[in-house]
Amino acid sequence: MQTEQKIPEGYMRNSQGHLVPVDLVSDIDKTRDELVQEIIADAERLREQMAAFKRGAMADLSAFVDLSAEKYGVKMGGTKGNVTFMSFDGRHKIQIAVNECLVFDERLQIAKKLVDECIHKWSEGSGAEIRALVEHAFQTDKEGKISVGRVLGLTRLNINDEQWKSAMQAVHDSMQVAGTTTYMRIYRRVGDSEQYEQLSLDLSKL
């Protein structure tokens, strides 16, 4: 791991990585640098506080699930998700959601070949529209990834063709869970209504 070189006293490093004597740096540049560094330091401390809050809250909620399960003689263990915790007065709630990250294995290419064969044998009238839909579904992004949502959209098409059904089965079989992401969302009731608003911890939404 490469460590950052210590800046000698009396110098400042510019954006090109060059050391510049402090006396040659304008007062406005120094003031701007101090302001940016101060805000960044505050932001890093806040980020650590938010991370500690999330870790603590998740641990407490997980422990509560275990406590609740013990009342019924059940040991939960493992990952706990997709649970809602409601305050007694119903004005506040916390939702834990576990989302799976889905990817496709090599069988997706088999599905694509079967789909291409289907389009080739169908009439040109309907084939052109479906081909455009298929090409869009199998299009990769800048990172070379295929959209799970777009591909699954093909499986919802009501096409009564055995080869097409085989292709859609290959799509389902090619799906693999690459990992999970756990989200914690906090809500409070809006006045006396039945609606809830999320307490955003995103700086851009505050």
C-alpha atoms as a PDB file:
ATOM      1  CA  MET A   1       0.000   0.000   0.000  1.00  0.00           C
ATOM      2  CA  GLN A   2       1.461   3.339  -1.081  1.00  0.00           C
ATOM      3  CA  THR A   3       1.653   5.937   1.707  1.00  0.00           C
ATOM      4  CA  GLU A   4       1.260   9.635   1.065  1.00  0.00           C
ATOM      5  CA  GLN A   5       4.515  11.577   1.235  1.00  0.00           C
ATOM      6  CA  LYS A   6       4.807  14.047   4.076  1.00  0.00           C
ATOM      7  CA  ILE A   7       4.792  17.650   2.902  1.00  0.00           C
ATOM      8  CA  PRO A   8       7.861  19.582   4.143  1.00  0.00           C
ATOM      9  CA  GLU A   9       7.212  22.530   6.408  1.00  0.00           C
ATOM     10  CA  GLY A  10       6.801  25.762   4.467  1.00  0.00           C
ATOM     11  CA  TYR A  11       5.391  24.071   1.358  1.00  0.00           C
ATOM     12  CA  MET A  12       1.980  23.170  -0.085  1.00  0.00           C
ATOM     13  CA  ARG A  13       1.318  20.488  -2.698  1.00  0.00           C
ATOM     14  CA  ASN A  14      -0.631  21.646  -5.754  1.00  0.00           C
ATOM     15  CA  SER A  15      -3.053  19.605  -7.893  1.00  0.00           C
ATOM     16  CA  GLN A  16      -0.175  18.406 -10.107  1.00  0.00           C
ATOM     17  CA  GLY A  17       1.643  16.988  -7.101  1.00  0.00           C
ATOM     18  CA  HIS A  18       4.344  19.681  -7.101  1.00  0.00           C
ATOM     19  CA  LEU A  19       5.598  21.269  -3.895  1.00  0.00           C
ATOM     20  CA  VAL A  20       5.062  25.031  -3.864  1.00  0.00           C
ATOM     21  CA  PRO A  21       6.583  27.372  -1.233  1.00  0.00           C
ATOM     22  CA  VAL A  22       3.841  28.786   0.991  1.00  0.00           C
ATOM     23  CA  ASP A  23       5.069  32.319   0.291  1.00  0.00           C
ATOM     24  CA  LEU A  24       4.226  31.828  -3.403  1.00  0.00           C
ATOM     25  CA  VAL A  25       0.639  30.719  -2.707  1.00  0.00           C
ATOM     26  CA  SER A  26      -1.925  33.542  -2.730  1.00  0.00           C
ATOM     27  CA  ASP A  27      -3.951  34.303   0.386  1.00  0.00           C
ATOM     28  CA  ILE A  28      -7.227  33.423  -1.343  1.00  0.00           C
ATOM     29  CA  ASP A  29      -5.840  30.012  -2.369  1.00  0.00           C
ATOM     30  CA  LYS A  30      -4.717  29.358   1.204  1.00  0.00           C
ATOM     31  CA  THR A  31      -8.099  30.386   2.599  1.00  0.00           C
ATOM     32  CA  ARG A  32      -9.950  28.212   0.077  1.00  0.00           C
ATOM     33  CA  ASP A  33      -7.726  25.246   0.926  1.00  0.00           C
ATOM     34  CA  GLU A  34      -8.330  25.680   4.665  1.00  0.00           C
ATOM     35  CA  LEU A  35     -12.090  25.919   4.109  1.00  0.00           C
ATOM     36  CA  VAL A  36     -12.225  22.794   1.951  1.00  0.00           C
ATOM     37  CA  GLN A  37     -10.014  20.791   4.342  1.00  0.00           C
ATOM     38  CA  GLU A  38     -12.145  21.842   7.325  1.00  0.00           C
ATOM     39  CA  ILE A  39     -15.428  20.816   5.660  1.00  0.00           C
ATOM     40  CA  ILE A  40     -13.927  17.527   4.458  1.00  0.00           C
ATOM     41  CA  ALA A  41     -12.715  16.726   7.987  1.00  0.00           C
ATOM     42  CA  ASP A  42     -16.197  17.435   9.375  1.00  0.00           C
ATOM     43  CA  ALA A  43     -17.764  15.282   6.647  1.00  0.00           C
ATOM     44  CA  GLU A  44     -15.426  12.367   7.416  1.00  0.00           C
ATOM     45  CA  ARG A  45     -16.294  12.559  11.134  1.00  0.00           C
ATOM     46  CA  LEU A  46     -20.007  12.672  10.272  1.00  0.00           C
ATOM     47  CA  ARG A  47     -19.618   9.687   7.948  1.00  0.00           C
ATOM     48  CA  GLU A  48     -17.992   7.685  10.741  1.00  0.00           C
ATOM     49  CA  GLN A  49     -20.797   8.680  13.131  1.00  0.00           C
ATOM     50  CA  MET A  50     -23.438   7.586  10.605  1.00  0.00           C
ATOM     51  CA  ALA A  51     -21.655   4.284  10.006  1.00  0.00           C
ATOM     52  CA  ALA A  52     -21.438   3.687  13.762  1.00  0.00           C
ATOM     53  CA  PHE A  53     -25.137   4.558  14.099  1.00  0.00           C
ATOM     54  CA  LYS A  54     -26.084   2.061  11.391  1.00  0.00           C
ATOM     55  CA  ARG A  55     -23.947  -0.705  12.870  1.00  0.00           C
ATOM     56  CA  GLY A  56     -25.394  -0.106  16.344  1.00  0.00           C
ATOM     57  CA  ALA A  57     -29.002   0.147  15.160  1.00  0.00           C
ATOM     58  CA  MET A  58     -28.724  -2.989  13.023  1.00  0.00           C
ATOM     59  CA  ALA A  59     -27.184  -4.910  15.924  1.00  0.00           C
ATOM     60  CA  ASP A  60     -29.942  -3.758  18.289  1.00  0.00           C
ATOM     61  CA  LEU A  61     -32.706  -4.670  15.821  1.00  0.00           C
ATOM     62  CA  SER A  62     -31.142  -8.061  15.167  1.00  0.00           C
ATOM     63  CA  ALA A  63     -30.905  -8.720  18.892  1.00  0.00           C
ATOM     64  CA  PHE A  64     -34.563  -7.735  19.281  1.00  0.00           C
ATOM     65  CA  VAL A  65     -35.587 -10.247  16.585  1.00  0.00           C
ATOM     66  CA  ASP A  66     -33.731 -12.948  18.529  1.00  0.00           C
ATOM     67  CA  LEU A  67     -35.410 -11.821  21.751  1.00  0.00           C
ATOM     68  CA  SER A  68     -38.835 -11.924  20.120  1.00  0.00           C
ATOM     69  CA  ALA A  69     -38.121 -15.353  18.634  1.00  0.00           C
ATOM     70  CA  GLU A  70     -37.129 -16.739  22.029  1.00  0.00           C
ATOM     71  CA  LYS A  71     -40.675 -16.115  23.236  1.00  0.00           C
ATOM     72  CA  TYR A  72     -41.714 -18.878  20.851  1.00  0.00           C
ATOM     73  CA  GLY A  73     -38.738 -21.122  21.481  1.00  0.00           C
ATOM     74  CA  VAL A  74     -37.147 -20.306  18.111  1.00  0.00           C
ATOM     75  CA  LYS A  75     -33.501 -19.499  17.426  1.00  0.00           C
ATOM     76  CA  MET A  76     -33.182 -17.280  14.361  1.00  0.00           C
ATOM     77  CA  GLY A  77     -29.473 -16.803  13.632  1.00  0.00           C
ATOM     78  CA  GLY A  78     -28.115 -15.905  10.196  1.00  0.00           C
ATOM     79  CA  THR A  79     -29.219 -12.926   8.139  1.00  0.00           C
ATOM     80  CA  LYS A  80     -32.448 -11.235   9.194  1.00  0.00           C
ATOM     81  CA  GLY A  81     -34.235  -9.006   6.708  1.00  0.00           C
ATOM     82  CA  ASN A  82     -37.473  -7.674   5.278  1.00  0.00           C
ATOM     83  CA  VAL A  83     -38.818  -6.815   8.718  1.00  0.00           C
ATOM     84  CA  THR A  84     -40.785  -3.768   9.925  1.00  0.00           C
ATOM     85  CA  PHE A  85     -40.506  -2.460  13.493  1.00  0.00           C
ATOM     86  CA  MET A  86     -43.355  -0.157  14.569  1.00  0.00           C
ATOM     87  CA  SER A  87     -43.494   2.134  17.586  1.00  0.00           C
ATOM     88  CA  PHE A  88     -46.366   1.527  20.008  1.00  0.00           C
ATOM     89  CA  ASP A  89     -48.230   4.651  18.872  1.00  0.00           C
ATOM     90  CA  GLY A  90     -47.702   3.797  15.212  1.00  0.00           C
ATOM     91  CA  ARG A  91     -46.091   7.135  14.446  1.00  0.00           C
ATOM     92  CA  HIS A  92     -42.643   5.759  13.672  1.00  0.00           C
ATOM     93  CA  LYS A  93     -41.413   2.666  11.918  1.00  0.00           C
ATOM     94  CA  ILE A  94     -38.129   1.150  10.831  1.00  0.00           C
ATOM     95  CA  GLN A  95     -37.895  -1.147   7.841  1.00  0.00           C
ATOM     96  CA  ILE A  96     -35.057  -3.558   7.196  1.00  0.00           C
ATOM     97  CA  ALA A  97     -34.866  -4.778   3.606  1.00  0.00           C
ATOM     98  CA  VAL A  98     -32.440  -7.296   2.161  1.00  0.00           C
ATOM     99  CA  ASN A  99     -32.008  -7.037  -1.600  1.00  0.00           C
ATOM    100  CA  GLU A 100     -30.326  -9.753  -3.609  1.00  0.00           C
ATOM    101  CA  CYS A 101     -27.774  -8.833  -6.265  1.00  0.00           C
ATOM    102  CA  LEU A 102     -28.591 -11.023  -9.268  1.00  0.00           C
ATOM    103  CA  VAL A 103     -26.193 -11.879 -12.084  1.00  0.00           C
ATOM    104  CA  PHE A 104     -26.328 -14.222 -15.060  1.00  0.00           C
ATOM    105  CA  ASP A 105     -24.005 -17.117 -15.776  1.00  0.00           C
ATOM    106  CA  GLU A 106     -23.024 -18.593 -19.174  1.00  0.00           C
ATOM    107  CA  ARG A 107     -26.515 -20.018 -19.738  1.00  0.00           C
ATOM    108  CA  LEU A 108     -27.726 -16.523 -20.605  1.00  0.00           C
ATOM    109  CA  GLN A 109     -25.806 -16.810 -23.879  1.00  0.00           C
ATOM    110  CA  ILE A 110     -27.651 -20.059 -24.571  1.00  0.00           C
ATOM    111  CA  ALA A 111     -30.933 -18.254 -23.958  1.00  0.00           C
ATOM    112  CA  LYS A 112     -29.870 -15.459 -26.312  1.00  0.00           C
ATOM    113  CA  LYS A 113     -29.095 -17.990 -29.068  1.00  0.00           C
ATOM    114  CA  LEU A 114     -32.490 -19.681 -28.611  1.00  0.00           C
ATOM    115  CA  VAL A 115     -34.231 -16.302 -28.741  1.00  0.00           C
ATOM    116  CA  ASP A 116     -32.375 -15.402 -31.953  1.00  0.00           C
ATOM    117  CA  GLU A 117     -33.472 -18.684 -33.511  1.00  0.00           C
ATOM    118  CA  CYS A 118     -37.077 -17.955 -32.544  1.00  0.00           C
ATOM    119  CA  ILE A 119     -36.999 -14.540 -34.182  1.00  0.00           C
ATOM    120  CA  HIS A 120     -35.380 -15.971 -37.303  1.00  0.00           C
ATOM    121  CA  LYS A 121     -38.122 -18.550 -37.832  1.00  0.00           C
ATOM    122  CA  TRP A 122     -41.014 -16.186 -37.116  1.00  0.00           C
ATOM    123  CA  SER A 123     -42.621 -13.957 -39.691  1.00  0.00           C
ATOM    124  CA  GLU A 124     -40.903 -10.652 -40.462  1.00  0.00           C
ATOM    125  CA  GLY A 125     -43.999  -8.701 -39.421  1.00  0.00           C
ATOM    126  CA  SER A 126     -43.699  -9.445 -35.736  1.00  0.00           C
ATOM    127  CA  GLY A 127     -40.053 -10.438 -35.720  1.00  0.00           C
ATOM    128  CA  ALA A 128     -38.674  -6.928 -36.289  1.00  0.00           C
ATOM    129  CA  GLU A 129     -40.403  -5.459 -33.225  1.00  0.00           C
ATOM    130  CA  ILE A 130     -39.440  -8.325 -30.969  1.00  0.00           C
ATOM    131  CA  ARG A 131     -35.846  -8.254 -32.237  1.00  0.00           C
ATOM    132  CA  ALA A 132     -35.556  -4.592 -31.207  1.00  0.00           C
ATOM    133  CA  LEU A 133     -36.922  -5.494 -27.780  1.00  0.00           C
ATOM    134  CA  VAL A 134     -34.509  -8.417 -27.445  1.00  0.00           C
ATOM    135  CA  GLU A 135     -31.473  -6.398 -28.555  1.00  0.00           C
ATOM    136  CA  HIS A 136     -32.358  -3.750 -25.965  1.00  0.00           C
ATOM    137  CA  ALA A 137     -32.758  -6.386 -23.246  1.00  0.00           C
ATOM    138  CA  PHE A 138     -29.376  -7.985 -23.909  1.00  0.00           C
ATOM    139  CA  GLN A 139     -27.528  -4.688 -24.321  1.00  0.00           C
ATOM    140  CA  THR A 140     -24.649  -4.192 -21.892  1.00  0.00           C
ATOM    141  CA  ASP A 141     -23.804  -1.023 -19.985  1.00  0.00           C
ATOM    142  CA  LYS A 142     -20.422   0.711 -19.779  1.00  0.00           C
ATOM    143  CA  GLU A 143     -19.213  -1.904 -17.289  1.00  0.00           C
ATOM    144  CA  GLY A 144     -20.255  -4.761 -19.575  1.00  0.00           C
ATOM    145  CA  LYS A 145     -23.173  -5.761 -17.365  1.00  0.00           C
ATOM    146  CA  ILE A 146     -26.619  -6.775 -18.591  1.00  0.00           C
ATOM    147  CA  SER A 147     -29.716  -5.302 -16.946  1.00  0.00           C
ATOM    148  CA  VAL A 148     -31.513  -7.982 -14.929  1.00  0.00           C
ATOM    149  CA  GLY A 149     -34.775  -6.048 -15.162  1.00  0.00           C
ATOM    150  CA  ARG A 150     -34.719  -5.779 -18.952  1.00  0.00           C
ATOM    151  CA  VAL A 151     -33.944  -9.468 -19.443  1.00  0.00           C
ATOM    152  CA  LEU A 152     -36.640 -10.529 -16.997  1.00  0.00           C
ATOM    153  CA  GLY A 153     -39.024  -8.308 -18.934  1.00  0.00           C
ATOM    154  CA  LEU A 154     -38.735 -10.781 -21.803  1.00  0.00           C
ATOM    155  CA  THR A 155     -39.975 -13.599 -19.564  1.00  0.00           C
ATOM    156  CA  ARG A 156     -43.225 -11.710 -19.036  1.00  0.00           C
ATOM    157  CA  LEU A 157     -44.054 -11.725 -22.749  1.00  0.00           C
ATOM    158  CA  ASN A 158     -46.938 -14.094 -23.485  1.00  0.00           C
ATOM    159  CA  ILE A 159     -45.435 -16.008 -26.412  1.00  0.00           C
ATOM    160  CA  ASN A 160     -46.751 -19.521 -26.993  1.00  0.00           C
ATOM    161  CA  ASP A 161     -43.724 -21.112 -28.595  1.00  0.00           C
ATOM    162  CA  GLU A 162     -41.869 -24.097 -27.137  1.00  0.00           C
ATOM    163  CA  GLN A 163     -38.457 -22.822 -28.195  1.00  0.00           C
ATOM    164  CA  TRP A 164     -39.194 -19.410 -26.702  1.00  0.00           C
ATOM    165  CA  LYS A 165     -40.299 -21.099 -23.464  1.00  0.00           C
ATOM    166  CA  SER A 166     -37.038 -23.053 -23.417  1.00  0.00           C
ATOM    167  CA  ALA A 167     -35.135 -19.797 -23.865  1.00  0.00           C
ATOM    168  CA  MET A 168     -36.991 -18.176 -20.962  1.00  0.00           C
ATOM    169  CA  GLN A 169     -36.300 -21.217 -18.799  1.00  0.00           C
ATOM    170  CA  ALA A 170     -32.625 -20.851 -19.639  1.00  0.00           C
ATOM    171  CA  VAL A 171     -32.854 -17.207 -18.525  1.00  0.00           C
ATOM    172  CA  HIS A 172     -34.276 -18.254 -15.142  1.00  0.00           C
ATOM    173  CA  ASP A 173     -31.719 -21.043 -14.754  1.00  0.00           C
ATOM    174  CA  SER A 174     -28.840 -18.665 -15.522  1.00  0.00           C
ATOM    175  CA  MET A 175     -29.695 -16.309 -12.662  1.00  0.00           C
ATOM    176  CA  GLN A 176     -27.359 -16.487  -9.674  1.00  0.00           C
ATOM    177  CA  VAL A 177     -27.315 -14.552  -6.387  1.00  0.00           C
ATOM    178  CA  ALA A 178     -23.965 -12.754  -6.255  1.00  0.00           C
ATOM    179  CA  GLY A 179     -24.580 -11.153  -2.867  1.00  0.00           C
ATOM    180  CA  THR A 180     -27.036  -9.215  -0.737  1.00  0.00           C
ATOM    181  CA  THR A 181     -27.341  -5.607   0.386  1.00  0.00           C
ATOM    182  CA  THR A 182     -29.138  -4.666   3.597  1.00  0.00           C
ATOM    183  CA  TYR A 183     -31.003  -1.361   3.810  1.00  0.00           C
ATOM    184  CA  MET A 184     -32.411   0.345   6.897  1.00  0.00           C
ATOM    185  CA  ARG A 185     -35.130   2.928   6.286  1.00  0.00           C
ATOM    186  CA  ILE A 186     -36.665   5.079   9.026  1.00  0.00           C
ATOM    187  CA  TYR A 187     -40.124   6.618   8.676  1.00  0.00           C
ATOM    188  CA  ARG A 188     -42.400   8.949  10.630  1.00  0.00           C
ATOM    189  CA  ARG A 189     -46.110   9.503  10.147  1.00  0.00           C
ATOM    190  CA  VAL A 190     -47.198  12.696   8.406  1.00  0.00           C
ATOM    191  CA  GLY A 191     -49.457  14.461  10.895  1.00  0.00           C
ATOM    192  CA  ASP A 192     -52.568  12.394  11.612  1.00  0.00           C
ATOM    193  CA  SER A 193     -52.641  10.828   8.155  1.00  0.00           C
ATOM    194  CA  GLU A 194     -51.924   7.222   7.243  1.00  0.00           C
ATOM    195  CA  GLN A 195     -48.917   8.284   5.180  1.00  0.00           C
ATOM    196  CA  TYR A 196     -45.290   8.062   6.246  1.00  0.00           C
ATOM    197  CA  GLU A 197     -42.287  10.123   5.191  1.00  0.00           C
ATOM    198  CA  GLN A 198     -38.786   8.730   5.182  1.00  0.00           C
ATOM    199  CA  LEU A 199     -36.202  10.400   7.382  1.00  0.00           C
ATOM    200  CA  SER A 200     -33.510  10.944   4.798  1.00  0.00           C
ATOM    201  CA  LEU A 201     -29.876  10.657   5.855  1.00  0.00           C
ATOM    202  CA  ASP A 202     -28.747  11.706   2.388  1.00  0.00           C
ATOM    203  CA  LEU A 203     -27.128  15.174   2.535  1.00  0.00           C
ATOM    204  CA  SER A 204     -28.470  16.078  -0.921  1.00  0.00           C
ATOM    205  CA  LYS A 205     -32.048  15.535   0.302  1.00  0.00           C
ATOM    206  CA  LEU A 206     -31.806  17.481   3.564  1.00  0.00           C
END
